[in-house]
Amino acid sequence: MIRVRRSAHRAQPARLAHAVLAAALGLPVLSCTVGPDYVAPAPPQQDAWSRALATDPAGDAAALDTWWTQFRDPVLDELVGL
């Protein structure tokens, strides 16, 4: 009886596939890193509101109870009414 030994060269494509997969998953993570001296810029802030509020939001509690009706959407009205 002749024994056929499996050669090691069949395992190499699997190793290569794992290496390619690891590189494909690892490179995007590494490419997103920035240098150690990076400082995020501060977002611009306004000194004041661009316009005054039309109404006092705390004084109009009845409008807050039905805020979704401003969209005039019957489906939304039906969903909120459930």
N, C-alpha and C. Protein backbone atom coordinates (compact mmCIF):
# COMPACT_ATOMS: atom_id res chain seq x y z
N MET A 1 0.83 -1.17 0.00
CA MET A 1 0.00 0.00 0.00
C MET A 1 0.89 1.25 0.00
N ILE A 2 0.56 2.15 -0.87
CA ILE A 2 1.34 3.39 -0.98
C ILE A 2 0.57 4.49 -0.26
N ARG A 3 1.26 5.13 0.64
CA ARG A 3 0.65 6.26 1.34
C ARG A 3 1.00 7.55 0.59
N VAL A 4 -0.03 8.34 0.41
CA VAL A 4 0.18 9.62 -0.25
C VAL A 4 0.21 10.69 0.84
N ARG A 5 1.29 11.36 0.90
CA ARG A 5 1.44 12.39 1.92
C ARG A 5 0.96 13.73 1.34
N ARG A 6 0.15 14.39 2.13
CA ARG A 6 -0.31 15.72 1.67
C ARG A 6 0.84 16.70 1.80
N SER A 7 1.03 17.43 0.79
CA SER A 7 2.15 18.36 0.82
C SER A 7 1.76 19.65 1.53
N ALA A 8 2.76 20.34 2.00
CA ALA A 8 2.55 21.57 2.75
C ALA A 8 2.20 22.75 1.86
N HIS A 9 2.38 22.59 0.56
CA HIS A 9 2.12 23.73 -0.32
C HIS A 9 0.63 24.04 -0.43
N ARG A 10 -0.25 23.15 -0.01
CA ARG A 10 -1.68 23.44 -0.04
C ARG A 10 -2.10 24.41 1.06
N ALA A 11 -1.34 24.45 2.13
CA ALA A 11 -1.68 25.36 3.23
C ALA A 11 -1.25 26.79 2.93
N GLN A 12 -0.35 26.98 1.99
CA GLN A 12 0.15 28.31 1.70
C GLN A 12 -0.93 29.25 1.15
N PRO A 13 -1.82 28.85 0.28
CA PRO A 13 -2.87 29.78 -0.16
C PRO A 13 -3.75 30.26 1.00
N ALA A 14 -4.02 29.39 1.96
CA ALA A 14 -4.82 29.81 3.10
C ALA A 14 -4.07 30.84 3.94
N ARG A 15 -2.78 30.61 4.12
CA ARG A 15 -1.97 31.58 4.87
C ARG A 15 -1.91 32.91 4.14
N LEU A 16 -1.78 32.84 2.84
CA LEU A 16 -1.74 34.06 2.04
C LEU A 16 -3.08 34.80 2.13
N ALA A 17 -4.16 34.06 2.09
CA ALA A 17 -5.48 34.68 2.19
C ALA A 17 -5.66 35.34 3.55
N HIS A 18 -5.18 34.69 4.60
CA HIS A 18 -5.27 35.31 5.94
C HIS A 18 -4.43 36.57 6.03
N ALA A 19 -3.25 36.54 5.43
CA ALA A 19 -2.39 37.72 5.46
C ALA A 19 -3.01 38.87 4.68
N VAL A 20 -3.59 38.58 3.53
CA VAL A 20 -4.24 39.62 2.73
C VAL A 20 -5.45 40.17 3.47
N LEU A 21 -6.21 39.31 4.11
CA LEU A 21 -7.37 39.76 4.88
C LEU A 21 -6.95 40.63 6.05
N ALA A 22 -5.90 40.24 6.76
CA ALA A 22 -5.41 41.04 7.88
C ALA A 22 -4.92 42.40 7.40
N ALA A 23 -4.24 42.44 6.28
CA ALA A 23 -3.76 43.71 5.74
C ALA A 23 -4.92 44.59 5.29
N ALA A 24 -5.92 43.96 4.66
CA ALA A 24 -7.06 44.74 4.17
C ALA A 24 -7.86 45.32 5.32
N LEU A 25 -7.94 44.62 6.43
CA LEU A 25 -8.67 45.13 7.59
C LEU A 25 -7.82 46.07 8.43
N GLY A 26 -6.52 45.87 8.44
CA GLY A 26 -5.65 46.68 9.29
C GLY A 26 -5.24 48.00 8.69
N LEU A 27 -5.06 48.06 7.40
CA LEU A 27 -4.59 49.30 6.76
C LEU A 27 -5.57 50.47 6.92
N PRO A 28 -6.88 50.27 6.76
CA PRO A 28 -7.77 51.41 6.97
C PRO A 28 -7.73 51.97 8.39
N VAL A 29 -7.54 51.10 9.36
CA VAL A 29 -7.44 51.57 10.74
C VAL A 29 -6.18 52.39 10.94
N LEU A 30 -5.10 51.92 10.39
CA LEU A 30 -3.83 52.64 10.54
C LEU A 30 -3.83 53.94 9.75
N SER A 31 -4.54 54.00 8.66
CA SER A 31 -4.53 55.21 7.84
C SER A 31 -5.34 56.33 8.47
N CYS A 32 -6.18 56.03 9.45
CA CYS A 32 -7.01 57.06 10.09
C CYS A 32 -6.30 57.72 11.26
N THR A 33 -5.17 57.22 11.66
CA THR A 33 -4.48 57.82 12.79
C THR A 33 -3.79 59.10 12.36
N VAL A 34 -3.66 60.02 13.30
CA VAL A 34 -2.97 61.28 13.04
C VAL A 34 -1.77 61.37 13.97
N GLY A 35 -0.95 62.34 13.73
CA GLY A 35 0.27 62.48 14.52
C GLY A 35 -0.01 62.75 15.99
N PRO A 36 0.99 62.57 16.83
CA PRO A 36 0.81 62.75 18.26
C PRO A 36 0.61 64.20 18.68
N ASP A 37 0.94 65.15 17.81
CA ASP A 37 0.81 66.56 18.17
C ASP A 37 -0.44 67.21 17.58
N TYR A 38 -1.39 66.40 17.12
CA TYR A 38 -2.61 66.94 16.52
C TYR A 38 -3.52 67.54 17.59
N VAL A 39 -4.02 68.73 17.34
CA VAL A 39 -4.97 69.39 18.23
C VAL A 39 -6.18 69.75 17.38
N ALA A 40 -7.34 69.30 17.82
CA ALA A 40 -8.57 69.58 17.07
C ALA A 40 -8.88 71.07 17.13
N PRO A 41 -9.27 71.67 16.01
CA PRO A 41 -9.60 73.10 16.02
C PRO A 41 -10.90 73.35 16.78
N ALA A 42 -10.97 74.49 17.43
CA ALA A 42 -12.19 74.86 18.16
C ALA A 42 -13.24 75.30 17.15
N PRO A 43 -14.48 74.85 17.33
CA PRO A 43 -15.53 75.27 16.39
C PRO A 43 -15.87 76.75 16.60
N PRO A 44 -16.23 77.44 15.53
CA PRO A 44 -16.58 78.85 15.68
C PRO A 44 -17.87 79.00 16.48
N GLN A 45 -17.91 80.02 17.33
CA GLN A 45 -19.09 80.27 18.15
C GLN A 45 -19.55 81.71 17.92
N GLN A 46 -20.87 81.86 17.91
CA GLN A 46 -21.43 83.19 17.73
C GLN A 46 -21.49 83.91 19.07
N ASP A 47 -21.42 85.24 19.01
CA ASP A 47 -21.53 86.04 20.23
C ASP A 47 -22.97 86.11 20.72
N ALA A 48 -23.92 86.06 19.80
CA ALA A 48 -25.33 86.16 20.17
C ALA A 48 -26.16 85.41 19.14
N TRP A 49 -27.44 85.24 19.44
CA TRP A 49 -28.36 84.61 18.49
C TRP A 49 -28.53 85.52 17.28
N SER A 50 -28.74 84.91 16.13
CA SER A 50 -28.90 85.72 14.92
C SER A 50 -30.26 86.41 14.89
N ARG A 51 -31.25 85.86 15.57
CA ARG A 51 -32.55 86.52 15.67
C ARG A 51 -33.18 86.14 17.00
N ALA A 52 -34.09 86.95 17.45
CA ALA A 52 -34.76 86.71 18.72
C ALA A 52 -35.79 85.58 18.57
N LEU A 53 -36.08 84.89 19.65
CA LEU A 53 -37.11 83.86 19.63
C LEU A 53 -38.48 84.49 19.41
N ALA A 54 -39.30 83.83 18.60
CA ALA A 54 -40.63 84.37 18.31
C ALA A 54 -41.53 84.33 19.54
N THR A 55 -41.45 83.25 20.27
CA THR A 55 -42.26 83.11 21.49
C THR A 55 -41.40 82.50 22.58
N ASP A 56 -41.88 82.61 23.77
CA ASP A 56 -41.20 82.00 24.91
C ASP A 56 -41.54 80.52 24.92
N PRO A 57 -40.58 79.62 24.72
CA PRO A 57 -40.90 78.20 24.64
C PRO A 57 -41.46 77.64 25.94
N ALA A 58 -41.09 78.20 27.05
CA ALA A 58 -41.60 77.70 28.32
C ALA A 58 -43.05 78.14 28.56
N GLY A 59 -43.47 79.22 27.94
CA GLY A 59 -44.81 79.73 28.17
C GLY A 59 -45.87 79.11 27.27
N ASP A 60 -45.48 78.33 26.27
CA ASP A 60 -46.42 77.76 25.32
C ASP A 60 -46.46 76.24 25.46
N ALA A 61 -46.87 75.76 26.62
CA ALA A 61 -46.87 74.32 26.90
C ALA A 61 -47.91 73.59 26.06
N ALA A 62 -49.01 74.24 25.70
CA ALA A 62 -50.05 73.59 24.91
C ALA A 62 -49.52 73.24 23.51
N ALA A 63 -48.69 74.09 22.94
CA ALA A 63 -48.14 73.81 21.62
C ALA A 63 -47.12 72.66 21.68
N LEU A 64 -46.45 72.51 22.80
CA LEU A 64 -45.50 71.42 22.94
C LEU A 64 -46.20 70.08 23.06
N ASP A 65 -47.44 70.07 23.51
CA ASP A 65 -48.18 68.82 23.64
C ASP A 65 -48.57 68.24 22.29
N THR A 66 -48.65 69.08 21.26
CA THR A 66 -49.05 68.62 19.92
C THR A 66 -48.06 69.13 18.87
N TRP A 67 -46.79 69.03 19.14
CA TRP A 67 -45.77 69.57 18.25
C TRP A 67 -45.78 68.90 16.89
N TRP A 68 -46.16 67.65 16.80
CA TRP A 68 -46.11 66.91 15.53
C TRP A 68 -47.17 67.38 14.54
N THR A 69 -48.20 68.09 14.99
CA THR A 69 -49.24 68.55 14.07
C THR A 69 -48.73 69.65 13.14
N GLN A 70 -47.61 70.27 13.48
CA GLN A 70 -47.04 71.30 12.61
C GLN A 70 -46.55 70.74 11.29
N PHE A 71 -46.29 69.42 11.24
CA PHE A 71 -45.84 68.79 10.00
C PHE A 71 -46.98 68.52 9.03
N ARG A 72 -48.20 68.57 9.52
CA ARG A 72 -49.40 68.32 8.71
C ARG A 72 -49.29 66.99 7.95
N ASP A 73 -48.93 65.95 8.69
CA ASP A 73 -48.76 64.62 8.10
C ASP A 73 -49.76 63.67 8.74
N PRO A 74 -50.73 63.19 7.97
CA PRO A 74 -51.75 62.31 8.56
C PRO A 74 -51.19 60.99 9.07
N VAL A 75 -50.12 60.48 8.44
CA VAL A 75 -49.51 59.24 8.90
C VAL A 75 -48.86 59.45 10.27
N LEU A 76 -48.18 60.57 10.41
CA LEU A 76 -47.55 60.89 11.70
C LEU A 76 -48.61 61.10 12.76
N ASP A 77 -49.69 61.79 12.40
CA ASP A 77 -50.78 61.99 13.36
C ASP A 77 -51.35 60.65 13.82
N GLU A 78 -51.49 59.72 12.88
CA GLU A 78 -52.02 58.40 13.22
C GLU A 78 -51.04 57.62 14.12
N LEU A 79 -49.74 57.71 13.81
CA LEU A 79 -48.75 57.00 14.61
C LEU A 79 -48.66 57.55 16.02
N VAL A 80 -48.72 58.85 16.17
CA VAL A 80 -48.64 59.44 17.49
C VAL A 80 -49.93 59.16 18.27
N GLY A 81 -51.02 59.03 17.58
CA GLY A 81 -52.29 58.76 18.25
C GLY A 81 -52.43 57.33 18.74
N LEU A 82 -51.51 56.44 18.38
CA LEU A 82 -51.60 55.05 18.82
C LEU A 82 -51.40 54.88 20.27
